[in-house]
Amino acid sequence: MILLLNKDSLFSTFGVNTFQDLDLAISSMAPSMVDYYLSDLSNGVDDTYLNKRSIQDSISIGEFSIYLDYDDEVYLEIEDNLQDFETGSLW
């Protein structure tokens, strides 16, 4: 799932002014806090399309990836970890 984030909200949540500062701030935080903030920012945002050729910079944190494109839009990609643990029938 790929979501278009409000860049101002993202930067203010992490207390930064640039995408490069965001990378430094995320690196210094506990992964659970980053997880919480990104999950909170993604609530109520609709799935969108991202042309991966237009990515200028990216940050990967666990199941989250944050992308900055050449139009200065910020996208959040959340990996779907849906695993099928059901076993098939033996007969």
Protein backbone atom coordinates (compact mmCIF):
# COMPACT_ATOMS: atom_id res chain seq x y z
CA MET A 1 0.00 0.00 0.00
CA ILE A 2 1.36 3.43 -0.97
CA LEU A 3 0.02 6.61 0.61
CA LEU A 4 0.62 10.27 -0.19
CA LEU A 5 1.54 12.03 3.07
CA ASN A 6 1.23 15.66 4.01
CA LYS A 7 4.89 16.69 4.09
CA ASP A 8 4.33 19.46 6.66
CA SER A 9 2.58 17.07 9.07
CA LEU A 10 5.32 14.48 8.63
CA PHE A 11 8.11 16.98 9.26
CA SER A 12 6.38 18.54 12.27
CA THR A 13 5.69 15.11 13.78
CA PHE A 14 9.39 14.30 13.74
CA GLY A 15 10.52 17.89 14.44
CA VAL A 16 12.54 18.34 11.25
CA ASN A 17 12.64 20.72 8.28
CA THR A 18 14.09 18.59 5.46
CA PHE A 19 13.93 15.02 4.20
CA GLN A 20 17.60 14.48 5.09
CA ASP A 21 16.92 15.62 8.66
CA LEU A 22 14.01 13.18 8.75
CA ASP A 23 16.41 10.32 8.01
CA LEU A 24 18.65 11.39 10.91
CA ALA A 25 15.71 11.81 13.30
CA ILE A 26 14.28 8.40 12.45
CA SER A 27 17.68 6.76 12.87
CA SER A 28 17.98 8.12 16.40
CA MET A 29 14.48 7.07 17.53
CA ALA A 30 13.24 3.78 18.90
CA PRO A 31 11.70 1.68 16.11
CA SER A 32 8.44 1.33 18.03
CA MET A 33 8.03 5.12 18.20
CA VAL A 34 8.71 5.49 14.47
CA ASP A 35 6.19 2.71 13.84
CA TYR A 36 3.62 4.49 15.99
CA TYR A 37 4.10 7.89 14.33
CA LEU A 38 3.99 6.51 10.78
CA SER A 39 0.93 4.38 11.54
CA ASP A 40 -0.80 7.44 13.00
CA LEU A 41 0.08 9.60 9.96
CA SER A 42 -1.28 6.94 7.59
CA ASN A 43 -4.74 6.76 9.21
CA GLY A 44 -7.45 8.13 6.96
CA VAL A 45 -5.19 8.47 3.91
CA ASP A 46 -6.24 6.80 0.67
CA ASP A 47 -4.02 4.48 -1.35
CA THR A 48 -2.35 6.22 -4.30
CA TYR A 49 0.00 5.52 -7.20
CA LEU A 50 3.73 6.25 -7.11
CA ASN A 51 5.90 6.10 -10.18
CA LYS A 52 9.05 4.54 -8.72
CA ARG A 53 11.14 6.13 -11.49
CA SER A 54 10.44 9.55 -10.02
CA ILE A 55 11.91 8.75 -6.58
CA GLN A 56 14.61 11.19 -5.55
CA ASP A 57 15.38 9.82 -2.06
CA SER A 58 14.08 7.09 0.24
CA ILE A 59 14.18 5.91 3.84
CA SER A 60 13.41 2.31 4.86
CA ILE A 61 12.34 1.40 8.38
CA GLY A 62 11.11 -2.14 8.94
CA GLU A 63 7.85 -2.55 7.06
CA PHE A 64 7.73 1.15 6.16
CA SER A 65 9.45 2.99 3.31
CA ILE A 66 9.27 6.75 2.88
CA TYR A 67 9.90 8.20 -0.58
CA LEU A 68 10.57 11.74 -1.73
CA ASP A 69 9.87 12.30 -5.42
CA TYR A 70 11.17 15.00 -7.75
CA ASP A 71 7.97 17.03 -7.22
CA ASP A 72 8.78 17.18 -3.46
CA GLU A 73 5.84 14.94 -2.60
CA VAL A 74 6.34 12.43 0.22
CA TYR A 75 4.93 8.91 -0.02
CA LEU A 76 4.69 6.17 2.58
CA GLU A 77 4.78 2.55 1.49
CA ILE A 78 3.58 -0.06 3.97
CA GLU A 79 4.42 -3.67 3.26
CA ASP A 80 1.50 -6.05 3.51
CA ASN A 81 2.72 -8.92 5.65
CA LEU A 82 -0.28 -11.11 5.13
CA GLN A 83 0.97 -14.64 5.39
CA ASP A 84 -1.14 -17.71 4.88
CA PHE A 85 -0.41 -20.04 7.77
CA GLU A 86 -3.26 -22.38 6.92
CA THR A 87 -2.20 -25.86 5.86
CA GLY A 88 -3.89 -27.70 3.08
CA SER A 89 -5.95 -30.82 3.51
CA LEU A 90 -4.15 -34.13 3.54
CA TRP A 91 -6.96 -35.93 1.73
